[in-house]
Amino acid sequence: MRARDKVAVRALRATLAALDNAEAVSVGAAELRGVALEASPVGAGATEAVRRELSEDEMADIVRAEITERLDAAEKLTTPAHADRAAQLHEEVVVLRRFLDAPSAE
């Protein structure tokens, strides 16, 4: 963001949102306590659920899915009027691939 790289910011924000969504607890996994008012949770944080923790492989799979999504969308934008958008999607793919190619911090 500081470098004002709009392509990288756009790609990273979308990918971070996808990762955040993947960490969410599914509704079926949450403990439902009933519909009666007396049975509803009370107090700050009473309805909070622990989010899923993704492995490195799961995160890499999500980044790969984001890359595939952009490549598929760019492939469908074949008219000259959409050439700019297709180029932007390809630039975002380059940004995301750098994260897959980067050595993991161990």
PDB file of N, CA and C in Angstrom:
ATOM      1  N   MET A   1       0.822  -1.178   0.000  1.00  0.00           N
ATOM      2  CA  MET A   1       0.000   0.000   0.000  1.00  0.00           C
ATOM      3  C   MET A   1       0.877   1.257   0.000  1.00  0.00           C
ATOM      4  N   ARG A   2       1.963   1.190   0.750  1.00  0.00           N
ATOM      5  CA  ARG A   2       2.856   2.352   0.814  1.00  0.00           C
ATOM      6  C   ARG A   2       3.520   2.613  -0.528  1.00  0.00           C
ATOM      7  N   ALA A   3       3.770   1.545  -1.275  1.00  0.00           N
ATOM      8  CA  ALA A   3       4.394   1.693  -2.586  1.00  0.00           C
ATOM      9  C   ALA A   3       3.390   2.144  -3.639  1.00  0.00           C
ATOM     10  N   ARG A   4       2.133   2.232  -3.247  1.00  0.00           N
ATOM     11  CA  ARG A   4       1.052   2.649  -4.140  1.00  0.00           C
ATOM     12  C   ARG A   4       0.918   1.718  -5.338  1.00  0.00           C
ATOM     13  N   ASP A   5       1.148   0.449  -5.108  1.00  0.00           N
ATOM     14  CA  ASP A   5       0.999  -0.570  -6.145  1.00  0.00           C
ATOM     15  C   ASP A   5      -0.451  -1.052  -6.115  1.00  0.00           C
ATOM     16  N   LYS A   6      -1.283  -0.422  -6.924  1.00  0.00           N
ATOM     17  CA  LYS A   6      -2.717  -0.704  -6.902  1.00  0.00           C
ATOM     18  C   LYS A   6      -3.028  -2.143  -7.282  1.00  0.00           C
ATOM     19  N   VAL A   7      -2.271  -2.692  -8.210  1.00  0.00           N
ATOM     20  CA  VAL A   7      -2.502  -4.073  -8.639  1.00  0.00           C
ATOM     21  C   VAL A   7      -2.248  -5.025  -7.479  1.00  0.00           C
ATOM     22  N   ALA A   8      -1.134  -4.844  -6.794  1.00  0.00           N
ATOM     23  CA  ALA A   8      -0.803  -5.720  -5.672  1.00  0.00           C
ATOM     24  C   ALA A   8      -1.810  -5.564  -4.546  1.00  0.00           C
ATOM     25  N   VAL A   9      -2.201  -4.336  -4.255  1.00  0.00           N
ATOM     26  CA  VAL A   9      -3.166  -4.102  -3.178  1.00  0.00           C
ATOM     27  C   VAL A   9      -4.490  -4.786  -3.494  1.00  0.00           C
ATOM     28  N   ARG A  10      -4.954  -4.642  -4.736  1.00  0.00           N
ATOM     29  CA  ARG A  10      -6.219  -5.255  -5.137  1.00  0.00           C
ATOM     30  C   ARG A  10      -6.155  -6.789  -5.022  1.00  0.00           C
ATOM     31  N   ALA A  11      -5.074  -7.373  -5.520  1.00  0.00           N
ATOM     32  CA  ALA A  11      -4.922  -8.828  -5.479  1.00  0.00           C
ATOM     33  C   ALA A  11      -4.811  -9.340  -4.046  1.00  0.00           C
ATOM     34  N   LEU A  12      -4.030  -8.633  -3.228  1.00  0.00           N
ATOM     35  CA  LEU A  12      -3.819  -9.074  -1.846  1.00  0.00           C
ATOM     36  C   LEU A  12      -5.068  -8.903  -0.991  1.00  0.00           C
ATOM     37  N   ARG A  13      -5.798  -7.825  -1.175  1.00  0.00           N
ATOM     38  CA  ARG A  13      -7.034  -7.634  -0.410  1.00  0.00           C
ATOM     39  C   ARG A  13      -8.043  -8.741  -0.716  1.00  0.00           C
ATOM     40  N   ALA A  14      -8.203  -9.064  -1.982  1.00  0.00           N
ATOM     41  CA  ALA A  14      -9.148 -10.113  -2.357  1.00  0.00           C
ATOM     42  C   ALA A  14      -8.703 -11.468  -1.807  1.00  0.00           C
ATOM     43  N   THR A  15      -7.405 -11.734  -1.864  1.00  0.00           N
ATOM     44  CA  THR A  15      -6.899 -13.017  -1.376  1.00  0.00           C
ATOM     45  C   THR A  15      -6.983 -13.100   0.145  1.00  0.00           C
ATOM     46  N   LEU A  16      -6.686 -12.003   0.830  1.00  0.00           N
ATOM     47  CA  LEU A  16      -6.832 -11.999   2.292  1.00  0.00           C
ATOM     48  C   LEU A  16      -8.286 -12.207   2.695  1.00  0.00           C
ATOM     49  N   ALA A  17      -9.214 -11.654   1.932  1.00  0.00           N
ATOM     50  CA  ALA A  17     -10.637 -11.866   2.216  1.00  0.00           C
ATOM     51  C   ALA A  17     -11.001 -13.333   2.017  1.00  0.00           C
ATOM     52  N   ALA A  18     -10.456 -13.962   0.979  1.00  0.00           N
ATOM     53  CA  ALA A  18     -10.721 -15.385   0.744  1.00  0.00           C
ATOM     54  C   ALA A  18     -10.151 -16.235   1.883  1.00  0.00           C
ATOM     55  N   LEU A  19      -8.970 -15.885   2.354  1.00  0.00           N
ATOM     56  CA  LEU A  19      -8.374 -16.610   3.485  1.00  0.00           C
ATOM     57  C   LEU A  19      -9.202 -16.406   4.752  1.00  0.00           C
ATOM     58  N   ASP A  20      -9.651 -15.185   4.972  1.00  0.00           N
ATOM     59  CA  ASP A  20     -10.477 -14.883   6.141  1.00  0.00           C
ATOM     60  C   ASP A  20     -11.778 -15.678   6.095  1.00  0.00           C
ATOM     61  N   ASN A  21     -12.398 -15.743   4.926  1.00  0.00           N
ATOM     62  CA  ASN A  21     -13.633 -16.522   4.780  1.00  0.00           C
ATOM     63  C   ASN A  21     -13.399 -18.007   5.031  1.00  0.00           C
ATOM     64  N   ALA A  22     -12.253 -18.510   4.616  1.00  0.00           N
ATOM     65  CA  ALA A  22     -11.945 -19.927   4.816  1.00  0.00           C
ATOM     66  C   ALA A  22     -11.730 -20.258   6.287  1.00  0.00           C
ATOM     67  N   GLU A  23     -11.329 -19.274   7.076  1.00  0.00           N
ATOM     68  CA  GLU A  23     -11.111 -19.491   8.505  1.00  0.00           C
ATOM     69  C   GLU A  23     -12.409 -19.449   9.309  1.00  0.00           C
ATOM     70  N   ALA A  24     -13.475 -18.981   8.697  1.00  0.00           N
ATOM     71  CA  ALA A  24     -14.748 -18.851   9.413  1.00  0.00           C
ATOM     72  C   ALA A  24     -15.299 -20.231   9.775  1.00  0.00           C
ATOM     73  N   VAL A  25     -15.974 -20.286  10.893  1.00  0.00           N
ATOM     74  CA  VAL A  25     -16.593 -21.523  11.353  1.00  0.00           C
ATOM     75  C   VAL A  25     -17.921 -21.677  10.628  1.00  0.00           C
ATOM     76  N   SER A  26     -18.167 -22.862  10.093  1.00  0.00           N
ATOM     77  CA  SER A  26     -19.433 -23.072   9.399  1.00  0.00           C
ATOM     78  C   SER A  26     -20.584 -23.033  10.396  1.00  0.00           C
ATOM     79  N   VAL A  27     -21.751 -22.647   9.935  1.00  0.00           N
ATOM     80  CA  VAL A  27     -22.908 -22.497  10.813  1.00  0.00           C
ATOM     81  C   VAL A  27     -23.263 -23.817  11.473  1.00  0.00           C
ATOM     82  N   GLY A  28     -23.120 -24.908  10.770  1.00  0.00           N
ATOM     83  CA  GLY A  28     -23.434 -26.214  11.337  1.00  0.00           C
ATOM     84  C   GLY A  28     -22.504 -26.599  12.476  1.00  0.00           C
ATOM     85  N   ALA A  29     -21.272 -26.099  12.444  1.00  0.00           N
ATOM     86  CA  ALA A  29     -20.295 -26.440  13.484  1.00  0.00           C
ATOM     87  C   ALA A  29     -20.484 -25.608  14.746  1.00  0.00           C
ATOM     88  N   ALA A  30     -21.161 -24.494  14.632  1.00  0.00           N
ATOM     89  CA  ALA A  30     -21.375 -23.644  15.808  1.00  0.00           C
ATOM     90  C   ALA A  30     -22.373 -24.304  16.738  1.00  0.00           C
ATOM     91  N   GLU A  31     -22.197 -24.091  18.015  1.00  0.00           N
ATOM     92  CA  GLU A  31     -23.129 -24.656  18.978  1.00  0.00           C
ATOM     93  C   GLU A  31     -24.382 -23.794  19.027  1.00  0.00           C
ATOM     94  N   LEU A  32     -25.510 -24.405  18.666  1.00  0.00           N
ATOM     95  CA  LEU A  32     -26.777 -23.701  18.749  1.00  0.00           C
ATOM     96  C   LEU A  32     -27.403 -24.050  20.084  1.00  0.00           C
ATOM     97  N   ARG A  33     -27.787 -23.051  20.820  1.00  0.00           N
ATOM     98  CA  ARG A  33     -28.245 -23.290  22.191  1.00  0.00           C
ATOM     99  C   ARG A  33     -29.755 -23.260  22.338  1.00  0.00           C
ATOM    100  N   GLY A  34     -30.474 -23.112  21.275  1.00  0.00           N
ATOM    101  CA  GLY A  34     -31.928 -23.073  21.375  1.00  0.00           C
ATOM    102  C   GLY A  34     -32.460 -21.724  20.971  1.00  0.00           C
ATOM    103  N   VAL A  35     -33.752 -21.652  20.817  1.00  0.00           N
ATOM    104  CA  VAL A  35     -34.367 -20.419  20.355  1.00  0.00           C
ATOM    105  C   VAL A  35     -35.032 -19.640  21.488  1.00  0.00           C
ATOM    106  N   ALA A  36     -35.176 -20.249  22.622  1.00  0.00           N
ATOM    107  CA  ALA A  36     -35.831 -19.565  23.739  1.00  0.00           C
ATOM    108  C   ALA A  36     -34.927 -18.475  24.290  1.00  0.00           C
ATOM    109  N   LEU A  37     -35.523 -17.369  24.691  1.00  0.00           N
ATOM    110  CA  LEU A  37     -34.771 -16.246  25.239  1.00  0.00           C
ATOM    111  C   LEU A  37     -33.969 -16.663  26.472  1.00  0.00           C
ATOM    112  N   GLU A  38     -34.554 -17.523  27.273  1.00  0.00           N
ATOM    113  CA  GLU A  38     -33.865 -17.975  28.496  1.00  0.00           C
ATOM    114  C   GLU A  38     -32.613 -18.785  28.175  1.00  0.00           C
ATOM    115  N   ALA A  39     -32.592 -19.409  27.012  1.00  0.00           N
ATOM    116  CA  ALA A  39     -31.457 -20.260  26.648  1.00  0.00           C
ATOM    117  C   ALA A  39     -30.383 -19.498  25.870  1.00  0.00           C
ATOM    118  N   SER A  40     -30.619 -18.235  25.568  1.00  0.00           N
ATOM    119  CA  SER A  40     -29.643 -17.487  24.781  1.00  0.00           C
ATOM    120  C   SER A  40     -28.443 -17.100  25.640  1.00  0.00           C
ATOM    121  N   PRO A  41     -27.266 -17.059  25.013  1.00  0.00           N
ATOM    122  CA  PRO A  41     -26.047 -16.734  25.753  1.00  0.00           C
ATOM    123  C   PRO A  41     -26.067 -15.294  26.264  1.00  0.00           C
ATOM    124  N   VAL A  42     -25.369 -15.081  27.363  1.00  0.00           N
ATOM    125  CA  VAL A  42     -25.345 -13.763  27.982  1.00  0.00           C
ATOM    126  C   VAL A  42     -23.896 -13.351  28.211  1.00  0.00           C
ATOM    127  N   GLY A  43     -23.617 -12.072  28.030  1.00  0.00           N
ATOM    128  CA  GLY A  43     -22.290 -11.551  28.338  1.00  0.00           C
ATOM    129  C   GLY A  43     -21.449 -11.323  27.102  1.00  0.00           C
ATOM    130  N   ALA A  44     -20.423 -10.516  27.293  1.00  0.00           N
ATOM    131  CA  ALA A  44     -19.532 -10.192  26.186  1.00  0.00           C
ATOM    132  C   ALA A  44     -18.795 -11.442  25.720  1.00  0.00           C
ATOM    133  N   GLY A  45     -18.833 -11.694  24.423  1.00  0.00           N
ATOM    134  CA  GLY A  45     -18.131 -12.834  23.851  1.00  0.00           C
ATOM    135  C   GLY A  45     -18.823 -14.168  24.025  1.00  0.00           C
ATOM    136  N   ALA A  46     -20.023 -14.175  24.554  1.00  0.00           N
ATOM    137  CA  ALA A  46     -20.713 -15.442  24.810  1.00  0.00           C
ATOM    138  C   ALA A  46     -21.061 -16.182  23.530  1.00  0.00           C
ATOM    139  N   THR A  47     -21.186 -15.470  22.434  1.00  0.00           N
ATOM    140  CA  THR A  47     -21.538 -16.126  21.174  1.00  0.00           C
ATOM    141  C   THR A  47     -20.350 -16.266  20.234  1.00  0.00           C
ATOM    142  N   GLU A  48     -19.153 -15.960  20.710  1.00  0.00           N
ATOM    143  CA  GLU A  48     -17.965 -16.056  19.875  1.00  0.00           C
ATOM    144  C   GLU A  48     -17.593 -17.520  19.660  1.00  0.00           C
ATOM    145  N   ALA A  49     -17.050 -17.804  18.490  1.00  0.00           N
ATOM    146  CA  ALA A  49     -16.565 -19.142  18.168  1.00  0.00           C
ATOM    147  C   ALA A  49     -15.107 -19.029  17.728  1.00  0.00           C
ATOM    148  N   VAL A  50     -14.320 -20.001  18.042  1.00  0.00           N
ATOM    149  CA  VAL A  50     -12.921 -20.021  17.647  1.00  0.00           C
ATOM    150  C   VAL A  50     -12.860 -20.272  16.149  1.00  0.00           C
ATOM    151  N   ARG A  51     -12.088 -19.457  15.448  1.00  0.00           N
ATOM    152  CA  ARG A  51     -11.960 -19.600  14.005  1.00  0.00           C
ATOM    153  C   ARG A  51     -11.049 -20.768  13.668  1.00  0.00           C
ATOM    154  N   ARG A  52     -11.239 -21.313  12.479  1.00  0.00           N
ATOM    155  CA  ARG A  52     -10.382 -22.392  11.998  1.00  0.00           C
ATOM    156  C   ARG A  52      -8.972 -21.867  11.799  1.00  0.00           C
ATOM    157  N   GLU A  53      -8.007 -22.719  11.958  1.00  0.00           N
ATOM    158  CA  GLU A  53      -6.627 -22.354  11.691  1.00  0.00           C
ATOM    159  C   GLU A  53      -6.196 -23.106  10.441  1.00  0.00           C
ATOM    160  N   LEU A  54      -5.823 -22.372   9.406  1.00  0.00           N
ATOM    161  CA  LEU A  54      -5.453 -22.992   8.138  1.00  0.00           C
ATOM    162  C   LEU A  54      -3.983 -23.400   8.135  1.00  0.00           C
ATOM    163  N   SER A  55      -3.719 -24.537   7.519  1.00  0.00           N
ATOM    164  CA  SER A  55      -2.333 -24.967   7.354  1.00  0.00           C
ATOM    165  C   SER A  55      -1.727 -24.202   6.176  1.00  0.00           C
ATOM    166  N   GLU A  56      -0.417 -24.288   6.026  1.00  0.00           N
ATOM    167  CA  GLU A  56       0.250 -23.624   4.905  1.00  0.00           C
ATOM    168  C   GLU A  56      -0.250 -24.176   3.582  1.00  0.00           C
ATOM    169  N   ASP A  57      -0.482 -25.492   3.535  1.00  0.00           N
ATOM    170  CA  ASP A  57      -0.984 -26.106   2.302  1.00  0.00           C
ATOM    171  C   ASP A  57      -2.381 -25.596   1.962  1.00  0.00           C
ATOM    172  N   GLU A  58      -3.232 -25.450   2.970  1.00  0.00           N
ATOM    173  CA  GLU A  58      -4.582 -24.926   2.730  1.00  0.00           C
ATOM    174  C   GLU A  58      -4.528 -23.484   2.235  1.00  0.00           C
ATOM    175  N   MET A  59      -3.640 -22.692   2.825  1.00  0.00           N
ATOM    176  CA  MET A  59      -3.499 -21.305   2.379  1.00  0.00           C
ATOM    177  C   MET A  59      -2.987 -21.249   0.942  1.00  0.00           C
ATOM    178  N   ALA A  60      -2.025 -22.100   0.612  1.00  0.00           N
ATOM    179  CA  ALA A  60      -1.491 -22.144  -0.754  1.00  0.00           C
ATOM    180  C   ALA A  60      -2.582 -22.560  -1.733  1.00  0.00           C
ATOM    181  N   ASP A  61      -3.442 -23.501  -1.334  1.00  0.00           N
ATOM    182  CA  ASP A  61      -4.548 -23.927  -2.192  1.00  0.00           C
ATOM    183  C   ASP A  61      -5.513 -22.776  -2.464  1.00  0.00           C
ATOM    184  N   ILE A  62      -5.745 -21.952  -1.461  1.00  0.00           N
ATOM    185  CA  ILE A  62      -6.643 -20.803  -1.632  1.00  0.00           C
ATOM    186  C   ILE A  62      -6.014 -19.784  -2.577  1.00  0.00           C
ATOM    187  N   VAL A  63      -4.718 -19.550  -2.436  1.00  0.00           N
ATOM    188  CA  VAL A  63      -4.028 -18.627  -3.344  1.00  0.00           C
ATOM    189  C   VAL A  63      -4.079 -19.180  -4.768  1.00  0.00           C
ATOM    190  N   ARG A  64      -3.875 -20.489  -4.925  1.00  0.00           N
ATOM    191  CA  ARG A  64      -3.973 -21.100  -6.255  1.00  0.00           C
ATOM    192  C   ARG A  64      -5.376 -20.942  -6.835  1.00  0.00           C
ATOM    193  N   ALA A  65      -6.385 -21.089  -5.993  1.00  0.00           N
ATOM    194  CA  ALA A  65      -7.764 -20.909  -6.455  1.00  0.00           C
ATOM    195  C   ALA A  65      -8.003 -19.471  -6.898  1.00  0.00           C
ATOM    196  N   GLU A  66      -7.436 -18.506  -6.189  1.00  0.00           N
ATOM    197  CA  GLU A  66      -7.562 -17.104  -6.578  1.00  0.00           C
ATOM    198  C   GLU A  66      -6.871 -16.856  -7.922  1.00  0.00           C
ATOM    199  N   ILE A  67      -5.730 -17.492  -8.131  1.00  0.00           N
ATOM    200  CA  ILE A  67      -5.018 -17.367  -9.411  1.00  0.00           C
ATOM    201  C   ILE A  67      -5.863 -17.951 -10.536  1.00  0.00           C
ATOM    202  N   THR A  68      -6.400 -19.137 -10.315  1.00  0.00           N
ATOM    203  CA  THR A  68      -7.229 -19.791 -11.326  1.00  0.00           C
ATOM    204  C   THR A  68      -8.460 -18.962 -11.649  1.00  0.00           C
ATOM    205  N   GLU A  69      -9.068 -18.399 -10.630  1.00  0.00           N
ATOM    206  CA  GLU A  69     -10.249 -17.555 -10.834  1.00  0.00           C
ATOM    207  C   GLU A  69      -9.918 -16.358 -11.728  1.00  0.00           C
ATOM    208  N   ARG A  70      -8.775 -15.734 -11.499  1.00  0.00           N
ATOM    209  CA  ARG A  70      -8.380 -14.581 -12.307  1.00  0.00           C
ATOM    210  C   ARG A  70      -8.040 -14.990 -13.741  1.00  0.00           C
ATOM    211  N   LEU A  71      -7.360 -16.119 -13.898  1.00  0.00           N
ATOM    212  CA  LEU A  71      -7.028 -16.583 -15.246  1.00  0.00           C
ATOM    213  C   LEU A  71      -8.282 -16.944 -16.033  1.00  0.00           C
ATOM    214  N   ASP A  72      -9.238 -17.590 -15.377  1.00  0.00           N
ATOM    215  CA  ASP A  72     -10.501 -17.935 -16.038  1.00  0.00           C
ATOM    216  C   ASP A  72     -11.263 -16.684 -16.455  1.00  0.00           C
ATOM    217  N   ALA A  73     -11.306 -15.698 -15.574  1.00  0.00           N
ATOM    218  CA  ALA A  73     -12.005 -14.453 -15.884  1.00  0.00           C
ATOM    219  C   ALA A  73     -11.312 -13.722 -17.028  1.00  0.00           C
ATOM    220  N   ALA A  74      -9.992 -13.684 -17.019  1.00  0.00           N
ATOM    221  CA  ALA A  74      -9.244 -12.998 -18.076  1.00  0.00           C
ATOM    222  C   ALA A  74      -9.456 -13.686 -19.423  1.00  0.00           C
ATOM    223  N   GLU A  75      -9.549 -14.998 -19.400  1.00  0.00           N
ATOM    224  CA  GLU A  75      -9.759 -15.764 -20.628  1.00  0.00           C
ATOM    225  C   GLU A  75     -11.112 -15.432 -21.267  1.00  0.00           C
ATOM    226  N   LYS A  76     -12.096 -15.119 -20.441  1.00  0.00           N
ATOM    227  CA  LYS A  76     -13.434 -14.800 -20.944  1.00  0.00           C
ATOM    228  C   LYS A  76     -13.531 -13.367 -21.472  1.00  0.00           C
ATOM    229  N   LEU A  77     -12.578 -12.530 -21.115  1.00  0.00           N
ATOM    230  CA  LEU A  77     -12.594 -11.134 -21.555  1.00  0.00           C
ATOM    231  C   LEU A  77     -11.812 -11.018 -22.866  1.00  0.00           C
ATOM    232  N   THR A  78     -12.444 -11.393 -23.958  1.00  0.00           N
ATOM    233  CA  THR A  78     -11.745 -11.460 -25.239  1.00  0.00           C
ATOM    234  C   THR A  78     -11.942 -10.233 -26.118  1.00  0.00           C
ATOM    235  N   THR A  79     -12.933  -9.415 -25.826  1.00  0.00           N
ATOM    236  CA  THR A  79     -13.179  -8.251 -26.680  1.00  0.00           C
ATOM    237  C   THR A  79     -12.167  -7.151 -26.376  1.00  0.00           C
ATOM    238  N   PRO A  80     -11.851  -6.343 -27.394  1.00  0.00           N
ATOM    239  CA  PRO A  80     -10.895  -5.247 -27.166  1.00  0.00           C
ATOM    240  C   PRO A  80     -11.335  -4.282 -26.062  1.00  0.00           C
ATOM    241  N   ALA A  81     -12.625  -4.146 -25.870  1.00  0.00           N
ATOM    242  CA  ALA A  81     -13.121  -3.242 -24.821  1.00  0.00           C
ATOM    243  C   ALA A  81     -12.729  -3.717 -23.426  1.00  0.00           C
ATOM    244  N   HIS A  82     -12.468  -4.997 -23.282  1.00  0.00           N
ATOM    245  CA  HIS A  82     -12.123  -5.563 -21.979  1.00  0.00           C
ATOM    246  C   HIS A  82     -10.636  -5.891 -21.851  1.00  0.00           C
ATOM    247  N   ALA A  83      -9.838  -5.469 -22.802  1.00  0.00           N
ATOM    248  CA  ALA A  83      -8.405  -5.796 -22.792  1.00  0.00           C
ATOM    249  C   ALA A  83      -7.707  -5.256 -21.544  1.00  0.00           C
ATOM    250  N   ASP A  84      -8.081  -4.052 -21.110  1.00  0.00           N
ATOM    251  CA  ASP A  84      -7.457  -3.477 -19.917  1.00  0.00           C
ATOM    252  C   ASP A  84      -7.737  -4.315 -18.681  1.00  0.00           C
ATOM    253  N   ARG A  85      -8.981  -4.745 -18.525  1.00  0.00           N
ATOM    254  CA  ARG A  85      -9.349  -5.556 -17.349  1.00  0.00           C
ATOM    255  C   ARG A  85      -8.626  -6.901 -17.386  1.00  0.00           C
ATOM    256  N   ALA A  86      -8.543  -7.509 -18.563  1.00  0.00           N
ATOM    257  CA  ALA A  86      -7.831  -8.788 -18.689  1.00  0.00           C
ATOM    258  C   ALA A  86      -6.363  -8.605 -18.321  1.00  0.00           C
ATOM    259  N   ALA A  87      -5.759  -7.497 -18.733  1.00  0.00           N
ATOM    260  CA  ALA A  87      -4.355  -7.223 -18.394  1.00  0.00           C
ATOM    261  C   ALA A  87      -4.191  -7.040 -16.893  1.00  0.00           C
ATOM    262  N   GLN A  88      -5.141  -6.363 -16.251  1.00  0.00           N
ATOM    263  CA  GLN A  88      -5.091  -6.190 -14.798  1.00  0.00           C
ATOM    264  C   GLN A  88      -5.147  -7.537 -14.089  1.00  0.00           C
ATOM    265  N   LEU A  89      -6.022  -8.421 -14.572  1.00  0.00           N
ATOM    266  CA  LEU A  89      -6.135  -9.745 -13.954  1.00  0.00           C
ATOM    267  C   LEU A  89      -4.835 -10.525 -14.102  1.00  0.00           C
ATOM    268  N   HIS A  90      -4.194 -10.419 -15.252  1.00  0.00           N
ATOM    269  CA  HIS A  90      -2.909 -11.107 -15.445  1.00  0.00           C
ATOM    270  C   HIS A  90      -1.831 -10.519 -14.534  1.00  0.00           C
ATOM    271  N   GLU A  91      -1.856  -9.215 -14.321  1.00  0.00           N
ATOM    272  CA  GLU A  91      -0.898  -8.584 -13.404  1.00  0.00           C
ATOM    273  C   GLU A  91      -1.124  -9.060 -11.973  1.00  0.00           C
ATOM    274  N   GLU A  92      -2.383  -9.224 -11.587  1.00  0.00           N
ATOM    275  CA  GLU A  92      -2.698  -9.729 -10.250  1.00  0.00           C
ATOM    276  C   GLU A  92      -2.199 -11.160 -10.088  1.00  0.00           C
ATOM    277  N   VAL A  93      -2.298 -11.959 -11.146  1.00  0.00           N
ATOM    278  CA  VAL A  93      -1.798 -13.338 -11.106  1.00  0.00           C
ATOM    279  C   VAL A  93      -0.292 -13.342 -10.841  1.00  0.00           C
ATOM    280  N   VAL A  94       0.427 -12.437 -11.478  1.00  0.00           N
ATOM    281  CA  VAL A  94       1.887 -12.344 -11.273  1.00  0.00           C
ATOM    282  C   VAL A  94       2.188 -12.050  -9.799  1.00  0.00           C
ATOM    283  N   VAL A  95       1.417 -11.132  -9.214  1.00  0.00           N
ATOM    284  CA  VAL A  95       1.611 -10.780  -7.795  1.00  0.00           C
ATOM    285  C   VAL A  95       1.374 -11.991  -6.910  1.00  0.00           C
ATOM    286  N   LEU A  96       0.281 -12.695  -7.148  1.00  0.00           N
ATOM    287  CA  LEU A  96      -0.062 -13.839  -6.296  1.00  0.00           C
ATOM    288  C   LEU A  96       0.916 -14.991  -6.468  1.00  0.00           C
ATOM    289  N   ARG A  97       1.416 -15.190  -7.681  1.00  0.00           N
ATOM    290  CA  ARG A  97       2.384 -16.278  -7.906  1.00  0.00           C
ATOM    291  C   ARG A  97       3.685 -16.042  -7.144  1.00  0.00           C
ATOM    292  N   ARG A  98       4.027 -14.783  -6.916  1.00  0.00           N
ATOM    293  CA  ARG A  98       5.247 -14.498  -6.131  1.00  0.00           C
ATOM    294  C   ARG A  98       5.148 -15.077  -4.730  1.00  0.00           C
ATOM    295  N   PHE A  99       3.932 -15.090  -4.170  1.00  0.00           N
ATOM    296  CA  PHE A  99       3.763 -15.633  -2.823  1.00  0.00           C
ATOM    297  C   PHE A  99       3.862 -17.154  -2.809  1.00  0.00           C
ATOM    298  N   LEU A 100       3.473 -17.788  -3.895  1.00  0.00           N
ATOM    299  CA  LEU A 100       3.603 -19.243  -3.973  1.00  0.00           C
ATOM    300  C   LEU A 100       5.044 -19.647  -4.200  1.00  0.00           C
ATOM    301  N   ASP A 101       5.785 -18.815  -4.927  1.00  0.00           N
ATOM    302  CA  ASP A 101       7.176 -19.130  -5.250  1.00  0.00           C
ATOM    303  C   ASP A 101       8.141 -18.765  -4.122  1.00  0.00           C
ATOM    304  N   ALA A 102       7.685 -17.933  -3.180  1.00  0.00           N
ATOM    305  CA  ALA A 102       8.552 -17.484  -2.092  1.00  0.00           C
ATOM    306  C   ALA A 102       8.854 -18.647  -1.156  1.00  0.00           C
ATOM    307  N   PRO A 103      10.099 -18.749  -0.682  1.00  0.00           N
ATOM    308  CA  PRO A 103      10.430 -19.808   0.283  1.00  0.00           C
ATOM    309  C   PRO A 103       9.693 -19.572   1.600  1.00  0.00           C
ATOM    310  N   SER A 104       9.240 -20.667   2.195  1.00  0.00           N
ATOM    311  CA  SER A 104       8.490 -20.539   3.451  1.00  0.00           C
ATOM    312  C   SER A 104       9.449 -20.186   4.584  1.00  0.00           C
ATOM    313  N   ALA A 105       8.940 -19.425   5.543  1.00  0.00           N
ATOM    314  CA  ALA A 105       9.741 -19.005   6.699  1.00  0.00           C
ATOM    315  C   ALA A 105       9.665 -20.081   7.766  1.00  0.00           C
ATOM    316  N   GLU A 106      10.715 -20.848   7.889  1.00  0.00           N
ATOM    317  CA  GLU A 106      10.735 -21.927   8.892  1.00  0.00           C
ATOM    318  C   GLU A 106      11.876 -21.731   9.852  1.00  0.00           C
TER     319      GLU A 106
END
